[in-house]
Amino acid sequence: MSVGIIPIICIATGVSIYIIIMIQDRYPPKKINNIYGYRTKRSMKSQEHWDYAQNYSSAQMKKASIGMISLGILGSFLDLGQNLELALGLFIIIGLMIAGVFATEQELKRRFPDD
């Protein structure tokens, strides 16, 4: 039995994102910048927005990376064909990342309703 594409894509991406988030947690971006951290128009409105968005998005991305790893492990039991597995693996990754950004933006709207 060969290893499918879903486990390779999802586990490798999930582990990579988790490592990046752990580094960001250890060395968080302290000031608003255009290079490092969770950067959206809403998160960059003020230092308070920025600090909250960094913490919240980090937690969301950790959940997403654990989800990717879990789905990758589950995907190792599937044999759907190379093209379908590739599409499904990319869909999982993109979907979980979009969900993390959406959740963070919704939380910023809830937390800072006057903006």
N, C-alpha and C. Protein backbone atom coordinates (compact mmCIF):
# COMPACT_ATOMS: atom_id res chain seq x y z
N MET A 1 0.84 -1.19 0.00
CA MET A 1 0.00 0.00 0.00
C MET A 1 0.89 1.24 0.00
N SER A 2 0.63 2.13 -0.93
CA SER A 2 1.42 3.36 -1.00
C SER A 2 0.71 4.47 -0.26
N VAL A 3 1.47 5.44 0.15
CA VAL A 3 0.92 6.59 0.84
C VAL A 3 0.25 7.49 -0.18
N GLY A 4 -0.98 7.92 0.11
CA GLY A 4 -1.72 8.78 -0.80
C GLY A 4 -1.26 10.22 -0.72
N ILE A 5 -1.87 11.03 -1.56
CA ILE A 5 -1.51 12.44 -1.63
C ILE A 5 -2.12 13.23 -0.47
N ILE A 6 -3.34 12.89 -0.06
CA ILE A 6 -4.01 13.63 1.03
C ILE A 6 -3.14 13.65 2.29
N PRO A 7 -2.64 12.49 2.75
CA PRO A 7 -1.81 12.55 3.97
C PRO A 7 -0.56 13.39 3.79
N ILE A 8 0.07 13.28 2.65
CA ILE A 8 1.31 14.03 2.42
C ILE A 8 1.02 15.53 2.45
N ILE A 9 0.02 15.96 1.69
CA ILE A 9 -0.30 17.39 1.62
C ILE A 9 -0.76 17.91 2.97
N CYS A 10 -1.74 17.25 3.56
CA CYS A 10 -2.35 17.76 4.78
C CYS A 10 -1.42 17.69 5.98
N ILE A 11 -0.73 16.59 6.15
CA ILE A 11 0.15 16.46 7.31
C ILE A 11 1.34 17.40 7.18
N ALA A 12 1.96 17.44 6.00
CA ALA A 12 3.12 18.32 5.82
C ALA A 12 2.73 19.79 6.00
N THR A 13 1.61 20.19 5.42
CA THR A 13 1.17 21.58 5.56
C THR A 13 0.77 21.88 6.99
N GLY A 14 0.02 20.97 7.62
CA GLY A 14 -0.40 21.16 9.00
C GLY A 14 0.77 21.30 9.96
N VAL A 15 1.77 20.44 9.81
CA VAL A 15 2.95 20.52 10.67
C VAL A 15 3.71 21.82 10.41
N SER A 16 3.85 22.20 9.15
CA SER A 16 4.56 23.44 8.80
C SER A 16 3.86 24.66 9.40
N ILE A 17 2.55 24.73 9.25
CA ILE A 17 1.80 25.86 9.81
C ILE A 17 1.91 25.88 11.32
N TYR A 18 1.81 24.71 11.94
CA TYR A 18 1.90 24.65 13.40
C TYR A 18 3.26 25.17 13.88
N ILE A 19 4.32 24.79 13.20
CA ILE A 19 5.67 25.26 13.56
C ILE A 19 5.77 26.77 13.39
N ILE A 20 5.24 27.29 12.29
CA ILE A 20 5.27 28.74 12.05
C ILE A 20 4.51 29.48 13.13
N ILE A 21 3.35 28.96 13.52
CA ILE A 21 2.55 29.61 14.56
C ILE A 21 3.26 29.54 15.90
N MET A 22 3.93 28.45 16.19
CA MET A 22 4.68 28.35 17.45
C MET A 22 5.81 29.39 17.48
N ILE A 23 6.47 29.59 16.34
CA ILE A 23 7.50 30.63 16.25
C ILE A 23 6.88 32.01 16.45
N GLN A 24 5.73 32.23 15.81
CA GLN A 24 5.06 33.52 15.95
C GLN A 24 4.60 33.73 17.39
N ASP A 25 4.16 32.68 18.06
CA ASP A 25 3.77 32.81 19.48
C ASP A 25 4.98 33.16 20.33
N ARG A 26 6.12 32.59 20.00
CA ARG A 26 7.34 32.85 20.77
C ARG A 26 7.88 34.26 20.50
N TYR A 27 7.77 34.70 19.25
CA TYR A 27 8.26 36.02 18.85
C TYR A 27 7.13 36.78 18.15
N PRO A 28 6.13 37.20 18.90
CA PRO A 28 4.97 37.86 18.27
C PRO A 28 5.33 39.23 17.73
N PRO A 29 4.63 39.64 16.68
CA PRO A 29 4.85 40.99 16.17
C PRO A 29 4.27 42.00 17.16
N LYS A 30 5.12 42.81 17.73
CA LYS A 30 4.69 43.71 18.79
C LYS A 30 4.02 44.97 18.25
N LYS A 31 4.49 45.44 17.12
CA LYS A 31 3.93 46.66 16.55
C LYS A 31 3.29 46.34 15.20
N ILE A 32 2.31 47.14 14.83
CA ILE A 32 1.65 46.98 13.54
C ILE A 32 2.69 47.11 12.43
N ASN A 33 2.68 46.15 11.51
CA ASN A 33 3.64 46.18 10.40
C ASN A 33 3.03 45.51 9.18
N ASN A 34 3.66 45.66 8.04
CA ASN A 34 3.19 45.07 6.79
C ASN A 34 3.92 43.80 6.40
N ILE A 35 4.73 43.26 7.31
CA ILE A 35 5.57 42.12 6.96
C ILE A 35 5.21 40.86 7.72
N TYR A 36 4.91 40.97 9.00
CA TYR A 36 4.86 39.81 9.88
C TYR A 36 3.62 39.84 10.75
N GLY A 37 2.89 38.74 10.79
CA GLY A 37 1.72 38.64 11.65
C GLY A 37 0.43 38.58 10.85
N TYR A 38 -0.68 38.60 11.55
CA TYR A 38 -2.00 38.60 10.92
C TYR A 38 -2.30 40.03 10.48
N ARG A 39 -2.30 40.26 9.17
CA ARG A 39 -2.41 41.61 8.63
C ARG A 39 -3.65 41.75 7.75
N THR A 40 -4.65 42.40 8.27
CA THR A 40 -5.81 42.79 7.48
C THR A 40 -6.12 44.24 7.83
N LYS A 41 -6.98 44.84 7.06
CA LYS A 41 -7.35 46.23 7.31
C LYS A 41 -7.90 46.39 8.73
N ARG A 42 -8.74 45.45 9.13
CA ARG A 42 -9.37 45.53 10.45
C ARG A 42 -8.33 45.30 11.56
N SER A 43 -7.43 44.36 11.37
CA SER A 43 -6.45 44.06 12.43
C SER A 43 -5.42 45.17 12.60
N MET A 44 -5.27 46.00 11.57
CA MET A 44 -4.26 47.05 11.62
C MET A 44 -4.84 48.43 11.97
N LYS A 45 -6.09 48.46 12.41
CA LYS A 45 -6.73 49.75 12.76
C LYS A 45 -6.11 50.42 13.97
N SER A 46 -5.69 49.64 14.93
CA SER A 46 -5.08 50.20 16.14
C SER A 46 -4.20 49.13 16.76
N GLN A 47 -3.41 49.54 17.72
CA GLN A 47 -2.54 48.58 18.42
C GLN A 47 -3.38 47.56 19.18
N GLU A 48 -4.51 48.00 19.73
CA GLU A 48 -5.39 47.08 20.46
C GLU A 48 -5.96 46.02 19.51
N HIS A 49 -6.41 46.45 18.33
CA HIS A 49 -6.90 45.51 17.31
C HIS A 49 -5.78 44.53 16.94
N TRP A 50 -4.61 45.08 16.72
CA TRP A 50 -3.46 44.28 16.29
C TRP A 50 -3.13 43.19 17.31
N ASP A 51 -2.99 43.58 18.56
CA ASP A 51 -2.62 42.62 19.60
C ASP A 51 -3.67 41.52 19.74
N TYR A 52 -4.93 41.91 19.72
CA TYR A 52 -6.00 40.93 19.86
C TYR A 52 -6.02 39.98 18.65
N ALA A 53 -5.88 40.54 17.46
CA ALA A 53 -5.91 39.73 16.24
C ALA A 53 -4.76 38.74 16.19
N GLN A 54 -3.59 39.14 16.68
CA GLN A 54 -2.44 38.22 16.67
C GLN A 54 -2.72 36.99 17.54
N ASN A 55 -3.25 37.23 18.74
CA ASN A 55 -3.55 36.12 19.64
C ASN A 55 -4.67 35.24 19.11
N TYR A 56 -5.74 35.87 18.65
CA TYR A 56 -6.90 35.11 18.21
C TYR A 56 -6.59 34.31 16.94
N SER A 57 -5.95 34.95 15.98
CA SER A 57 -5.65 34.26 14.73
C SER A 57 -4.66 33.12 14.95
N SER A 58 -3.74 33.30 15.87
CA SER A 58 -2.80 32.24 16.20
C SER A 58 -3.53 31.00 16.71
N ALA A 59 -4.50 31.21 17.59
CA ALA A 59 -5.29 30.08 18.11
C ALA A 59 -6.09 29.42 16.99
N GLN A 60 -6.64 30.23 16.08
CA GLN A 60 -7.41 29.67 14.97
C GLN A 60 -6.51 28.87 14.02
N MET A 61 -5.32 29.36 13.76
CA MET A 61 -4.42 28.65 12.85
C MET A 61 -3.88 27.37 13.49
N LYS A 62 -3.72 27.36 14.80
CA LYS A 62 -3.34 26.12 15.48
C LYS A 62 -4.42 25.07 15.30
N LYS A 63 -5.68 25.49 15.49
CA LYS A 63 -6.81 24.57 15.29
C LYS A 63 -6.84 24.07 13.85
N ALA A 64 -6.63 24.97 12.90
CA ALA A 64 -6.64 24.58 11.49
C ALA A 64 -5.53 23.59 11.18
N SER A 65 -4.34 23.83 11.74
CA SER A 65 -3.22 22.92 11.46
C SER A 65 -3.47 21.54 12.08
N ILE A 66 -4.05 21.50 13.26
CA ILE A 66 -4.38 20.22 13.88
C ILE A 66 -5.47 19.52 13.05
N GLY A 67 -6.41 20.30 12.53
CA GLY A 67 -7.43 19.74 11.64
C GLY A 67 -6.82 19.15 10.38
N MET A 68 -5.85 19.85 9.80
CA MET A 68 -5.17 19.35 8.60
C MET A 68 -4.45 18.03 8.89
N ILE A 69 -3.74 18.00 10.00
CA ILE A 69 -3.02 16.79 10.38
C ILE A 69 -4.00 15.64 10.59
N SER A 70 -5.08 15.90 11.30
CA SER A 70 -6.09 14.87 11.57
C SER A 70 -6.73 14.36 10.28
N LEU A 71 -7.11 15.28 9.40
CA LEU A 71 -7.70 14.86 8.13
C LEU A 71 -6.69 14.14 7.25
N GLY A 72 -5.43 14.52 7.37
CA GLY A 72 -4.38 13.81 6.64
C GLY A 72 -4.25 12.37 7.11
N ILE A 73 -4.31 12.18 8.41
CA ILE A 73 -4.24 10.82 8.96
C ILE A 73 -5.46 10.01 8.50
N LEU A 74 -6.64 10.62 8.58
CA LEU A 74 -7.85 9.93 8.10
C LEU A 74 -7.76 9.65 6.60
N GLY A 75 -7.20 10.59 5.87
CA GLY A 75 -7.05 10.43 4.42
C GLY A 75 -6.12 9.31 4.02
N SER A 76 -5.27 8.88 4.94
CA SER A 76 -4.36 7.78 4.62
C SER A 76 -5.11 6.46 4.43
N PHE A 77 -6.36 6.43 4.87
CA PHE A 77 -7.17 5.22 4.70
C PHE A 77 -7.98 5.25 3.41
N LEU A 78 -7.88 6.33 2.65
CA LEU A 78 -8.62 6.48 1.40
C LEU A 78 -7.74 6.15 0.21
N ASP A 79 -8.36 5.69 -0.84
CA ASP A 79 -7.68 5.50 -2.11
C ASP A 79 -8.62 5.99 -3.20
N LEU A 80 -8.60 7.28 -3.44
CA LEU A 80 -9.55 7.91 -4.35
C LEU A 80 -8.97 8.22 -5.72
N GLY A 81 -7.73 7.94 -5.90
CA GLY A 81 -7.07 8.31 -7.14
C GLY A 81 -6.30 9.60 -6.94
N GLN A 82 -5.20 9.71 -7.64
CA GLN A 82 -4.27 10.81 -7.44
C GLN A 82 -4.90 12.18 -7.65
N ASN A 83 -5.63 12.39 -8.72
CA ASN A 83 -6.20 13.71 -9.00
C ASN A 83 -7.24 14.13 -7.97
N LEU A 84 -8.12 13.21 -7.61
CA LEU A 84 -9.15 13.53 -6.63
C LEU A 84 -8.53 13.79 -5.26
N GLU A 85 -7.54 13.00 -4.90
CA GLU A 85 -6.86 13.22 -3.61
C GLU A 85 -6.14 14.56 -3.59
N LEU A 86 -5.51 14.93 -4.69
CA LEU A 86 -4.84 16.22 -4.77
C LEU A 86 -5.85 17.35 -4.60
N ALA A 87 -6.96 17.26 -5.32
CA ALA A 87 -7.99 18.30 -5.23
C ALA A 87 -8.56 18.36 -3.81
N LEU A 88 -8.85 17.21 -3.23
CA LEU A 88 -9.42 17.17 -1.88
C LEU A 88 -8.43 17.71 -0.85
N GLY A 89 -7.16 17.35 -0.98
CA GLY A 89 -6.14 17.85 -0.06
C GLY A 89 -6.02 19.36 -0.13
N LEU A 90 -5.99 19.91 -1.32
CA LEU A 90 -5.91 21.37 -1.48
C LEU A 90 -7.17 22.05 -0.97
N PHE A 91 -8.33 21.44 -1.21
CA PHE A 91 -9.59 21.98 -0.72
C PHE A 91 -9.59 22.04 0.81
N ILE A 92 -9.09 20.99 1.44
CA ILE A 92 -9.02 20.96 2.91
C ILE A 92 -8.15 22.09 3.44
N ILE A 93 -6.97 22.22 2.86
CA ILE A 93 -6.02 23.25 3.32
C ILE A 93 -6.59 24.65 3.11
N ILE A 94 -7.04 24.93 1.90
CA ILE A 94 -7.57 26.26 1.60
C ILE A 94 -8.81 26.54 2.44
N GLY A 95 -9.69 25.56 2.57
CA GLY A 95 -10.91 25.73 3.35
C GLY A 95 -10.63 26.04 4.81
N LEU A 96 -9.70 25.31 5.41
CA LEU A 96 -9.38 25.54 6.82
C LEU A 96 -8.69 26.89 7.03
N MET A 97 -7.87 27.31 6.10
CA MET A 97 -7.21 28.61 6.22
C MET A 97 -8.23 29.74 6.07
N ILE A 98 -9.13 29.62 5.11
CA ILE A 98 -10.17 30.63 4.94
C ILE A 98 -11.06 30.68 6.18
N ALA A 99 -11.39 29.52 6.73
CA ALA A 99 -12.21 29.47 7.94
C ALA A 99 -11.52 30.19 9.09
N GLY A 100 -10.20 30.04 9.21
CA GLY A 100 -9.45 30.72 10.27
C GLY A 100 -9.48 32.23 10.11
N VAL A 101 -9.31 32.71 8.89
CA VAL A 101 -9.36 34.15 8.63
C VAL A 101 -10.78 34.66 8.87
N PHE A 102 -11.78 33.95 8.38
CA PHE A 102 -13.17 34.36 8.58
C PHE A 102 -13.50 34.45 10.06
N ALA A 103 -13.10 33.44 10.83
CA ALA A 103 -13.38 33.44 12.28
C ALA A 103 -12.70 34.62 12.96
N THR A 104 -11.47 34.91 12.58
CA THR A 104 -10.74 36.03 13.18
C THR A 104 -11.41 37.35 12.84
N GLU A 105 -11.81 37.53 11.59
CA GLU A 105 -12.47 38.78 11.20
C GLU A 105 -13.81 38.93 11.92
N GLN A 106 -14.55 37.86 12.05
CA GLN A 106 -15.83 37.91 12.77
C GLN A 106 -15.60 38.26 14.24
N GLU A 107 -14.57 37.70 14.82
CA GLU A 107 -14.27 37.99 16.23
C GLU A 107 -13.84 39.44 16.40
N LEU A 108 -13.07 39.97 15.46
CA LEU A 108 -12.68 41.38 15.53
C LEU A 108 -13.91 42.28 15.42
N LYS A 109 -14.85 41.92 14.55
CA LYS A 109 -16.10 42.70 14.44
C LYS A 109 -16.88 42.64 15.76
N ARG A 110 -16.93 41.47 16.36
CA ARG A 110 -17.66 41.31 17.63
C ARG A 110 -16.97 42.05 18.75
N ARG A 111 -15.67 41.95 18.81
CA ARG A 111 -14.89 42.56 19.88
C ARG A 111 -14.82 44.08 19.78
N PHE A 112 -14.77 44.58 18.57
CA PHE A 112 -14.66 46.03 18.33
C PHE A 112 -15.82 46.48 17.43
N PRO A 113 -17.03 46.52 17.97
CA PRO A 113 -18.20 46.78 17.14
C PRO A 113 -18.29 48.21 16.59
N ASP A 114 -17.58 49.15 17.17
CA ASP A 114 -17.67 50.54 16.73
C ASP A 114 -16.90 50.81 15.46
N ASP A 115 -16.13 49.86 15.01
CA ASP A 115 -15.25 50.09 13.84
C ASP A 115 -15.95 49.71 12.57
